[in-house]
């Protein structure tokens, strides 16, 4: 979908499919494993910041493999776990 062109019905259908895909129950455990990874490395970062180049990471995968959905599920876990994760700004 280009920003300088008006949205078409095909664009609207694509958007509805994407939104619907995020409303279906997540059936994998990848989000839980990734969340544990984030908590582990955030804990390590807080105790020894000099061991890290930065506090960022790259999430790289081919198109259509669920990166956005993974992050959405991890975000939901962080909201649910609240302060239990130890992850903060």
PDB file of N, CA and C in Angstrom:
ATOM      1  N   UNK A   1       0.843  -1.168   0.000  1.00  0.00           N
ATOM      2  CA  UNK A   1       0.000   0.000   0.000  1.00  0.00           C
ATOM      3  C   UNK A   1       0.894   1.238   0.000  1.00  0.00           C
ATOM      4  N   UNK A   2       0.777   2.042  -1.006  1.00  0.00           N
ATOM      5  CA  UNK A   2       1.588   3.255  -1.094  1.00  0.00           C
ATOM      6  C   UNK A   2       0.841   4.414  -0.450  1.00  0.00           C
ATOM      7  N   UNK A   3       1.585   5.322   0.158  1.00  0.00           N
ATOM      8  CA  UNK A   3       0.969   6.416   0.893  1.00  0.00           C
ATOM      9  C   UNK A   3       0.414   7.514  -0.008  1.00  0.00           C
ATOM     10  N   UNK A   4       0.930   7.629  -1.220  1.00  0.00           N
ATOM     11  CA  UNK A   4       0.468   8.701  -2.093  1.00  0.00           C
ATOM     12  C   UNK A   4      -0.722   8.282  -2.947  1.00  0.00           C
ATOM     13  N   UNK A   5      -1.188   7.053  -2.807  1.00  0.00           N
ATOM     14  CA  UNK A   5      -2.340   6.568  -3.564  1.00  0.00           C
ATOM     15  C   UNK A   5      -3.470   6.239  -2.597  1.00  0.00           C
ATOM     16  N   UNK A   6      -4.712   6.452  -3.031  1.00  0.00           N
ATOM     17  CA  UNK A   6      -5.832   6.100  -2.153  1.00  0.00           C
ATOM     18  C   UNK A   6      -5.905   4.585  -1.945  1.00  0.00           C
ATOM     19  N   UNK A   7      -6.378   4.188  -0.784  1.00  0.00           N
ATOM     20  CA  UNK A   7      -6.510   2.761  -0.472  1.00  0.00           C
ATOM     21  C   UNK A   7      -7.578   2.133  -1.355  1.00  0.00           C
ATOM     22  N   UNK A   8      -7.326   0.922  -1.778  1.00  0.00           N
ATOM     23  CA  UNK A   8      -8.283   0.184  -2.598  1.00  0.00           C
ATOM     24  C   UNK A   8      -8.976  -0.858  -1.735  1.00  0.00           C
ATOM     25  N   UNK A   9      -9.978  -1.505  -2.300  1.00  0.00           N
ATOM     26  CA  UNK A   9     -10.654  -2.564  -1.544  1.00  0.00           C
ATOM     27  C   UNK A   9      -9.701  -3.727  -1.289  1.00  0.00           C
ATOM     28  N   UNK A  10      -8.754  -3.965  -2.199  1.00  0.00           N
ATOM     29  CA  UNK A  10      -7.754  -5.021  -1.987  1.00  0.00           C
ATOM     30  C   UNK A  10      -6.863  -4.671  -0.799  1.00  0.00           C
ATOM     31  N   UNK A  11      -6.496  -3.382  -0.685  1.00  0.00           N
ATOM     32  CA  UNK A  11      -5.693  -2.934   0.460  1.00  0.00           C
ATOM     33  C   UNK A  11      -6.471  -3.129   1.759  1.00  0.00           C
ATOM     34  N   UNK A  12      -7.748  -2.805   1.737  1.00  0.00           N
ATOM     35  CA  UNK A  12      -8.586  -2.967   2.925  1.00  0.00           C
ATOM     36  C   UNK A  12      -8.692  -4.429   3.324  1.00  0.00           C
ATOM     37  N   UNK A  13      -8.803  -5.313   2.340  1.00  0.00           N
ATOM     38  CA  UNK A  13      -8.880  -6.745   2.612  1.00  0.00           C
ATOM     39  C   UNK A  13      -7.578  -7.249   3.230  1.00  0.00           C
ATOM     40  N   UNK A  14      -6.442  -6.790   2.703  1.00  0.00           N
ATOM     41  CA  UNK A  14      -5.141  -7.179   3.265  1.00  0.00           C
ATOM     42  C   UNK A  14      -5.033  -6.732   4.721  1.00  0.00           C
ATOM     43  N   UNK A  15      -5.451  -5.507   4.986  1.00  0.00           N
ATOM     44  CA  UNK A  15      -5.391  -4.973   6.345  1.00  0.00           C
ATOM     45  C   UNK A  15      -6.279  -5.781   7.289  1.00  0.00           C
ATOM     46  N   UNK A  16      -7.487  -6.115   6.851  1.00  0.00           N
ATOM     47  CA  UNK A  16      -8.396  -6.908   7.682  1.00  0.00           C
ATOM     48  C   UNK A  16      -7.815  -8.283   7.969  1.00  0.00           C
ATOM     49  N   UNK A  17      -7.160  -8.891   6.987  1.00  0.00           N
ATOM     50  CA  UNK A  17      -6.545 -10.204   7.187  1.00  0.00           C
ATOM     51  C   UNK A  17      -5.412 -10.117   8.201  1.00  0.00           C
ATOM     52  N   UNK A  18      -4.602  -9.079   8.093  1.00  0.00           N
ATOM     53  CA  UNK A  18      -3.493  -8.900   9.043  1.00  0.00           C
ATOM     54  C   UNK A  18      -4.017  -8.695  10.458  1.00  0.00           C
ATOM     55  N   UNK A  19      -5.039  -7.861  10.579  1.00  0.00           N
ATOM     56  CA  UNK A  19      -5.615  -7.612  11.899  1.00  0.00           C
ATOM     57  C   UNK A  19      -6.236  -8.884  12.461  1.00  0.00           C
ATOM     58  N   UNK A  20      -6.929  -9.626  11.619  1.00  0.00           N
ATOM     59  CA  UNK A  20      -7.560 -10.870  12.046  1.00  0.00           C
ATOM     60  C   UNK A  20      -6.548 -11.906  12.486  1.00  0.00           C
ATOM     61  N   UNK A  21      -5.403 -11.933  11.832  1.00  0.00           N
ATOM     62  CA  UNK A  21      -4.360 -12.899  12.179  1.00  0.00           C
ATOM     63  C   UNK A  21      -3.850 -12.674  13.594  1.00  0.00           C
ATOM     64  N   UNK A  22      -3.875 -11.445  14.049  1.00  0.00           N
ATOM     65  CA  UNK A  22      -3.399 -11.142  15.402  1.00  0.00           C
ATOM     66  C   UNK A  22      -4.469 -11.377  16.459  1.00  0.00           C
ATOM     67  N   UNK A  23      -5.688 -11.629  16.035  1.00  0.00           N
ATOM     68  CA  UNK A  23      -6.762 -11.880  16.993  1.00  0.00           C
ATOM     69  C   UNK A  23      -6.946 -13.370  17.264  1.00  0.00           C
ATOM     70  N   UNK A  24      -6.385 -14.210  16.415  1.00  0.00           N
ATOM     71  CA  UNK A  24      -6.466 -15.658  16.592  1.00  0.00           C
ATOM     72  C   UNK A  24      -5.497 -16.058  17.697  1.00  0.00           C
ATOM     73  N   UNK A  25      -5.868 -17.058  18.490  1.00  0.00           N
ATOM     74  CA  UNK A  25      -5.004 -17.502  19.583  1.00  0.00           C
ATOM     75  C   UNK A  25      -3.643 -17.943  19.057  1.00  0.00           C
ATOM     76  N   UNK A  26      -2.605 -17.509  19.725  1.00  0.00           N
ATOM     77  CA  UNK A  26      -1.225 -17.863  19.368  1.00  0.00           C
ATOM     78  C   UNK A  26      -0.969 -19.284  19.851  1.00  0.00           C
ATOM     79  N   UNK A  27      -0.563 -20.187  18.955  1.00  0.00           N
ATOM     80  CA  UNK A  27      -0.469 -21.599  19.314  1.00  0.00           C
ATOM     81  C   UNK A  27       0.960 -22.114  19.460  1.00  0.00           C
ATOM     82  N   UNK A  28       1.928 -21.258  19.369  1.00  0.00           N
ATOM     83  CA  UNK A  28       3.324 -21.669  19.494  1.00  0.00           C
ATOM     84  C   UNK A  28       3.869 -21.192  20.842  1.00  0.00           C
ATOM     85  N   UNK A  29       5.061 -21.650  21.199  1.00  0.00           N
ATOM     86  CA  UNK A  29       5.693 -21.200  22.445  1.00  0.00           C
ATOM     87  C   UNK A  29       6.870 -20.264  22.175  1.00  0.00           C
ATOM     88  N   UNK A  30       7.053 -19.868  20.933  1.00  0.00           N
ATOM     89  CA  UNK A  30       8.186 -19.005  20.581  1.00  0.00           C
ATOM     90  C   UNK A  30       8.155 -17.702  21.371  1.00  0.00           C
ATOM     91  N   UNK A  31       6.977 -17.140  21.575  1.00  0.00           N
ATOM     92  CA  UNK A  31       6.879 -15.875  22.313  1.00  0.00           C
ATOM     93  C   UNK A  31       7.336 -16.040  23.759  1.00  0.00           C
ATOM     94  N   UNK A  32       7.043 -17.187  24.361  1.00  0.00           N
ATOM     95  CA  UNK A  32       7.473 -17.433  25.738  1.00  0.00           C
ATOM     96  C   UNK A  32       8.993 -17.582  25.815  1.00  0.00           C
ATOM     97  N   UNK A  33       9.556 -18.292  24.847  1.00  0.00           N
ATOM     98  CA  UNK A  33      11.011 -18.475  24.806  1.00  0.00           C
ATOM     99  C   UNK A  33      11.712 -17.141  24.568  1.00  0.00           C
ATOM    100  N   UNK A  34      11.183 -16.336  23.653  1.00  0.00           N
ATOM    101  CA  UNK A  34      11.780 -15.037  23.349  1.00  0.00           C
ATOM    102  C   UNK A  34      11.673 -14.105  24.556  1.00  0.00           C
ATOM    103  N   UNK A  35      10.541 -14.148  25.245  1.00  0.00           N
ATOM    104  CA  UNK A  35      10.349 -13.333  26.443  1.00  0.00           C
ATOM    105  C   UNK A  35      11.376 -13.707  27.514  1.00  0.00           C
ATOM    106  N   UNK A  36      11.576 -15.004  27.724  1.00  0.00           N
ATOM    107  CA  UNK A  36      12.573 -15.461  28.701  1.00  0.00           C
ATOM    108  C   UNK A  36      13.969 -14.986  28.305  1.00  0.00           C
ATOM    109  N   UNK A  37      14.265 -15.021  27.008  1.00  0.00           N
ATOM    110  CA  UNK A  37      15.545 -14.534  26.483  1.00  0.00           C
ATOM    111  C   UNK A  37      15.716 -13.050  26.814  1.00  0.00           C
ATOM    112  N   UNK A  38      14.668 -12.275  26.568  1.00  0.00           N
ATOM    113  CA  UNK A  38      14.737 -10.839  26.857  1.00  0.00           C
ATOM    114  C   UNK A  38      14.962 -10.572  28.341  1.00  0.00           C
ATOM    115  N   UNK A  39      14.238 -11.273  29.178  1.00  0.00           N
ATOM    116  CA  UNK A  39      14.392 -11.089  30.623  1.00  0.00           C
ATOM    117  C   UNK A  39      15.803 -11.465  31.059  1.00  0.00           C
ATOM    118  N   UNK A  40      16.314 -12.587  30.562  1.00  0.00           N
ATOM    119  CA  UNK A  40      17.665 -13.037  30.901  1.00  0.00           C
ATOM    120  C   UNK A  40      18.707 -11.991  30.514  1.00  0.00           C
ATOM    121  N   UNK A  41      18.637 -11.525  29.269  1.00  0.00           N
ATOM    122  CA  UNK A  41      19.644 -10.571  28.817  1.00  0.00           C
ATOM    123  C   UNK A  41      19.457  -9.189  29.418  1.00  0.00           C
ATOM    124  N   UNK A  42      18.233  -8.799  29.736  1.00  0.00           N
ATOM    125  CA  UNK A  42      18.026  -7.525  30.417  1.00  0.00           C
ATOM    126  C   UNK A  42      18.638  -7.581  31.817  1.00  0.00           C
ATOM    127  N   UNK A  43      18.471  -8.713  32.486  1.00  0.00           N
ATOM    128  CA  UNK A  43      19.056  -8.901  33.811  1.00  0.00           C
ATOM    129  C   UNK A  43      20.580  -8.830  33.737  1.00  0.00           C
ATOM    130  N   UNK A  44      21.156  -9.480  32.730  1.00  0.00           N
ATOM    131  CA  UNK A  44      22.611  -9.431  32.548  1.00  0.00           C
ATOM    132  C   UNK A  44      23.065  -8.010  32.239  1.00  0.00           C
ATOM    133  N   UNK A  45      22.303  -7.314  31.403  1.00  0.00           N
ATOM    134  CA  UNK A  45      22.652  -5.937  31.042  1.00  0.00           C
ATOM    135  C   UNK A  45      22.652  -5.034  32.279  1.00  0.00           C
ATOM    136  N   UNK A  46      21.653  -5.188  33.135  1.00  0.00           N
ATOM    137  CA  UNK A  46      21.565  -4.336  34.334  1.00  0.00           C
ATOM    138  C   UNK A  46      22.734  -4.553  35.283  1.00  0.00           C
ATOM    139  N   UNK A  47      23.272  -5.770  35.326  1.00  0.00           N
ATOM    140  CA  UNK A  47      24.367  -6.054  36.254  1.00  0.00           C
ATOM    141  C   UNK A  47      25.745  -5.760  35.670  1.00  0.00           C
ATOM    142  N   UNK A  48      25.875  -5.770  34.331  1.00  0.00           N
ATOM    143  CA  UNK A  48      27.187  -5.543  33.711  1.00  0.00           C
ATOM    144  C   UNK A  48      27.024  -4.867  32.351  1.00  0.00           C
ATOM    145  N   UNK A  49      26.688  -3.584  32.361  1.00  0.00           N
ATOM    146  CA  UNK A  49      26.430  -2.851  31.121  1.00  0.00           C
ATOM    147  C   UNK A  49      27.655  -2.762  30.219  1.00  0.00           C
ATOM    148  N   UNK A  50      28.833  -2.788  30.799  1.00  0.00           N
ATOM    149  CA  UNK A  50      30.066  -2.685  30.014  1.00  0.00           C
ATOM    150  C   UNK A  50      30.277  -3.896  29.102  1.00  0.00           C
ATOM    151  N   UNK A  51      29.636  -5.008  29.398  1.00  0.00           N
ATOM    152  CA  UNK A  51      29.791  -6.223  28.590  1.00  0.00           C
ATOM    153  C   UNK A  51      28.990  -6.156  27.289  1.00  0.00           C
ATOM    154  N   UNK A  52      28.160  -5.127  27.135  1.00  0.00           N
ATOM    155  CA  UNK A  52      27.283  -5.011  25.973  1.00  0.00           C
ATOM    156  C   UNK A  52      27.651  -3.786  25.147  1.00  0.00           C
ATOM    157  N   UNK A  53      27.496  -3.903  23.859  1.00  0.00           N
ATOM    158  CA  UNK A  53      27.728  -2.768  22.965  1.00  0.00           C
ATOM    159  C   UNK A  53      26.556  -1.798  23.069  1.00  0.00           C
ATOM    160  N   UNK A  54      25.344  -2.335  23.149  1.00  0.00           N
ATOM    161  CA  UNK A  54      24.146  -1.509  23.291  1.00  0.00           C
ATOM    162  C   UNK A  54      23.061  -2.329  23.976  1.00  0.00           C
ATOM    163  N   UNK A  55      21.954  -1.688  24.271  1.00  0.00           N
ATOM    164  CA  UNK A  55      20.847  -2.418  24.890  1.00  0.00           C
ATOM    165  C   UNK A  55      19.748  -2.718  23.871  1.00  0.00           C
ATOM    166  N   UNK A  56      20.122  -2.849  22.641  1.00  0.00           N
ATOM    167  CA  UNK A  56      19.198  -3.143  21.553  1.00  0.00           C
ATOM    168  C   UNK A  56      19.521  -4.497  20.945  1.00  0.00           C
ATOM    169  N   UNK A  57      18.537  -5.077  20.276  1.00  0.00           N
ATOM    170  CA  UNK A  57      18.780  -6.310  19.543  1.00  0.00           C
ATOM    171  C   UNK A  57      18.034  -6.240  18.220  1.00  0.00           C
ATOM    172  N   UNK A  58      18.446  -7.071  17.299  1.00  0.00           N
ATOM    173  CA  UNK A  58      17.794  -7.132  15.994  1.00  0.00           C
ATOM    174  C   UNK A  58      16.966  -8.405  15.919  1.00  0.00           C
ATOM    175  N   UNK A  59      15.761  -8.274  15.436  1.00  0.00           N
ATOM    176  CA  UNK A  59      14.892  -9.420  15.203  1.00  0.00           C
ATOM    177  C   UNK A  59      14.774  -9.556  13.690  1.00  0.00           C
ATOM    178  N   UNK A  60      15.473 -10.536  13.143  1.00  0.00           N
ATOM    179  CA  UNK A  60      15.578 -10.663  11.690  1.00  0.00           C
ATOM    180  C   UNK A  60      14.985 -11.995  11.250  1.00  0.00           C
ATOM    181  N   UNK A  61      14.129 -11.953  10.254  1.00  0.00           N
ATOM    182  CA  UNK A  61      13.530 -13.151   9.677  1.00  0.00           C
ATOM    183  C   UNK A  61      12.903 -12.748   8.350  1.00  0.00           C
ATOM    184  N   UNK A  62      12.678 -13.699   7.506  1.00  0.00           N
ATOM    185  CA  UNK A  62      12.065 -13.424   6.214  1.00  0.00           C
ATOM    186  C   UNK A  62      10.656 -12.873   6.396  1.00  0.00           C
ATOM    187  N   UNK A  63      10.183 -12.229   5.374  1.00  0.00           N
ATOM    188  CA  UNK A  63       8.844 -11.666   5.363  1.00  0.00           C
ATOM    189  C   UNK A  63       7.795 -12.759   5.571  1.00  0.00           C
ATOM    190  N   UNK A  64       6.798 -12.466   6.381  1.00  0.00           N
ATOM    191  CA  UNK A  64       5.686 -13.395   6.565  1.00  0.00           C
ATOM    192  C   UNK A  64       5.902 -14.484   7.599  1.00  0.00           C
ATOM    193  N   UNK A  65       6.953 -14.388   8.413  1.00  0.00           N
ATOM    194  CA  UNK A  65       7.235 -15.430   9.399  1.00  0.00           C
ATOM    195  C   UNK A  65       6.778 -15.075  10.813  1.00  0.00           C
ATOM    196  N   UNK A  66       6.121 -13.936  11.003  1.00  0.00           N
ATOM    197  CA  UNK A  66       5.502 -13.640  12.287  1.00  0.00           C
ATOM    198  C   UNK A  66       6.284 -12.786  13.260  1.00  0.00           C
ATOM    199  N   UNK A  67       7.171 -11.927  12.759  1.00  0.00           N
ATOM    200  CA  UNK A  67       7.944 -11.061  13.662  1.00  0.00           C
ATOM    201  C   UNK A  67       7.026 -10.117  14.433  1.00  0.00           C
ATOM    202  N   UNK A  68       6.118  -9.479  13.734  1.00  0.00           N
ATOM    203  CA  UNK A  68       5.206  -8.532  14.383  1.00  0.00           C
ATOM    204  C   UNK A  68       4.313  -9.244  15.386  1.00  0.00           C
ATOM    205  N   UNK A  69       3.823 -10.406  15.007  1.00  0.00           N
ATOM    206  CA  UNK A  69       2.956 -11.166  15.918  1.00  0.00           C
ATOM    207  C   UNK A  69       3.738 -11.598  17.160  1.00  0.00           C
ATOM    208  N   UNK A  70       4.969 -12.028  16.970  1.00  0.00           N
ATOM    209  CA  UNK A  70       5.819 -12.420  18.094  1.00  0.00           C
ATOM    210  C   UNK A  70       5.968 -11.255  19.069  1.00  0.00           C
ATOM    211  N   UNK A  71       6.274 -10.074  18.546  1.00  0.00           N
ATOM    212  CA  UNK A  71       6.455  -8.903  19.406  1.00  0.00           C
ATOM    213  C   UNK A  71       5.157  -8.506  20.094  1.00  0.00           C
ATOM    214  N   UNK A  72       4.053  -8.671  19.398  1.00  0.00           N
ATOM    215  CA  UNK A  72       2.751  -8.373  20.005  1.00  0.00           C
ATOM    216  C   UNK A  72       2.491  -9.313  21.188  1.00  0.00           C
ATOM    217  N   UNK A  73       2.781 -10.595  21.006  1.00  0.00           N
ATOM    218  CA  UNK A  73       2.575 -11.570  22.078  1.00  0.00           C
ATOM    219  C   UNK A  73       3.521 -11.318  23.252  1.00  0.00           C
ATOM    220  N   UNK A  74       4.765 -10.962  22.954  1.00  0.00           N
ATOM    221  CA  UNK A  74       5.730 -10.643  24.015  1.00  0.00           C
ATOM    222  C   UNK A  74       5.264  -9.398  24.776  1.00  0.00           C
ATOM    223  N   UNK A  75       4.746  -8.431  24.057  1.00  0.00           N
ATOM    224  CA  UNK A  75       4.216  -7.222  24.693  1.00  0.00           C
ATOM    225  C   UNK A  75       3.060  -7.564  25.628  1.00  0.00           C
ATOM    226  N   UNK A  76       2.179  -8.446  25.178  1.00  0.00           N
ATOM    227  CA  UNK A  76       1.062  -8.873  26.028  1.00  0.00           C
ATOM    228  C   UNK A  76       1.570  -9.585  27.280  1.00  0.00           C
ATOM    229  N   UNK A  77       2.611 -10.402  27.129  1.00  0.00           N
ATOM    230  CA  UNK A  77       3.189 -11.088  28.290  1.00  0.00           C
ATOM    231  C   UNK A  77       3.778 -10.078  29.274  1.00  0.00           C
ATOM    232  N   UNK A  78       4.461  -9.068  28.753  1.00  0.00           N
ATOM    233  CA  UNK A  78       5.070  -8.052  29.615  1.00  0.00           C
ATOM    234  C   UNK A  78       3.993  -7.290  30.383  1.00  0.00           C
ATOM    235  N   UNK A  79       2.883  -6.990  29.723  1.00  0.00           N
ATOM    236  CA  UNK A  79       1.778  -6.298  30.398  1.00  0.00           C
ATOM    237  C   UNK A  79       1.192  -7.177  31.495  1.00  0.00           C
ATOM    238  N   UNK A  80       1.027  -8.455  31.187  1.00  0.00           N
ATOM    239  CA  UNK A  80       0.451  -9.401  32.141  1.00  0.00           C
ATOM    240  C   UNK A  80       1.367  -9.608  33.340  1.00  0.00           C
ATOM    241  N   UNK A  81       2.672  -9.745  33.069  1.00  0.00           N
ATOM    242  CA  UNK A  81       3.633 -10.006  34.140  1.00  0.00           C
ATOM    243  C   UNK A  81       4.006  -8.753  34.919  1.00  0.00           C
ATOM    244  N   UNK A  82       3.732  -7.600  34.350  1.00  0.00           N
ATOM    245  CA  UNK A  82       4.007  -6.343  35.031  1.00  0.00           C
ATOM    246  C   UNK A  82       5.442  -6.233  35.486  1.00  0.00           C
ATOM    247  N   UNK A  83       5.633  -5.925  36.739  1.00  0.00           N
ATOM    248  CA  UNK A  83       6.967  -5.742  37.288  1.00  0.00           C
ATOM    249  C   UNK A  83       7.732  -7.029  37.508  1.00  0.00           C
ATOM    250  N   UNK A  84       7.091  -8.172  37.341  1.00  0.00           N
ATOM    251  CA  UNK A  84       7.762  -9.449  37.578  1.00  0.00           C
ATOM    252  C   UNK A  84       8.900  -9.714  36.605  1.00  0.00           C
ATOM    253  N   UNK A  85       8.854  -9.115  35.437  1.00  0.00           N
ATOM    254  CA  UNK A  85       9.855  -9.397  34.411  1.00  0.00           C
ATOM    255  C   UNK A  85      11.195  -8.746  34.711  1.00  0.00           C
ATOM    256  N   UNK A  86      11.178  -7.642  35.424  1.00  0.00           N
ATOM    257  CA  UNK A  86      12.414  -6.914  35.662  1.00  0.00           C
ATOM    258  C   UNK A  86      12.785  -6.016  34.497  1.00  0.00           C
ATOM    259  N   UNK A  87      12.015  -6.074  33.416  1.00  0.00           N
ATOM    260  CA  UNK A  87      12.295  -5.241  32.247  1.00  0.00           C
ATOM    261  C   UNK A  87      11.642  -3.885  32.468  1.00  0.00           C
ATOM    262  N   UNK A  88      12.454  -2.840  32.389  1.00  0.00           N
ATOM    263  CA  UNK A  88      11.928  -1.486  32.539  1.00  0.00           C
ATOM    264  C   UNK A  88      12.742  -0.547  31.673  1.00  0.00           C
ATOM    265  N   UNK A  89      12.293   0.674  31.581  1.00  0.00           N
ATOM    266  CA  UNK A  89      12.995   1.654  30.743  1.00  0.00           C
ATOM    267  C   UNK A  89      14.242   2.140  31.406  1.00  0.00           C
TER     268      UNK A  89
END
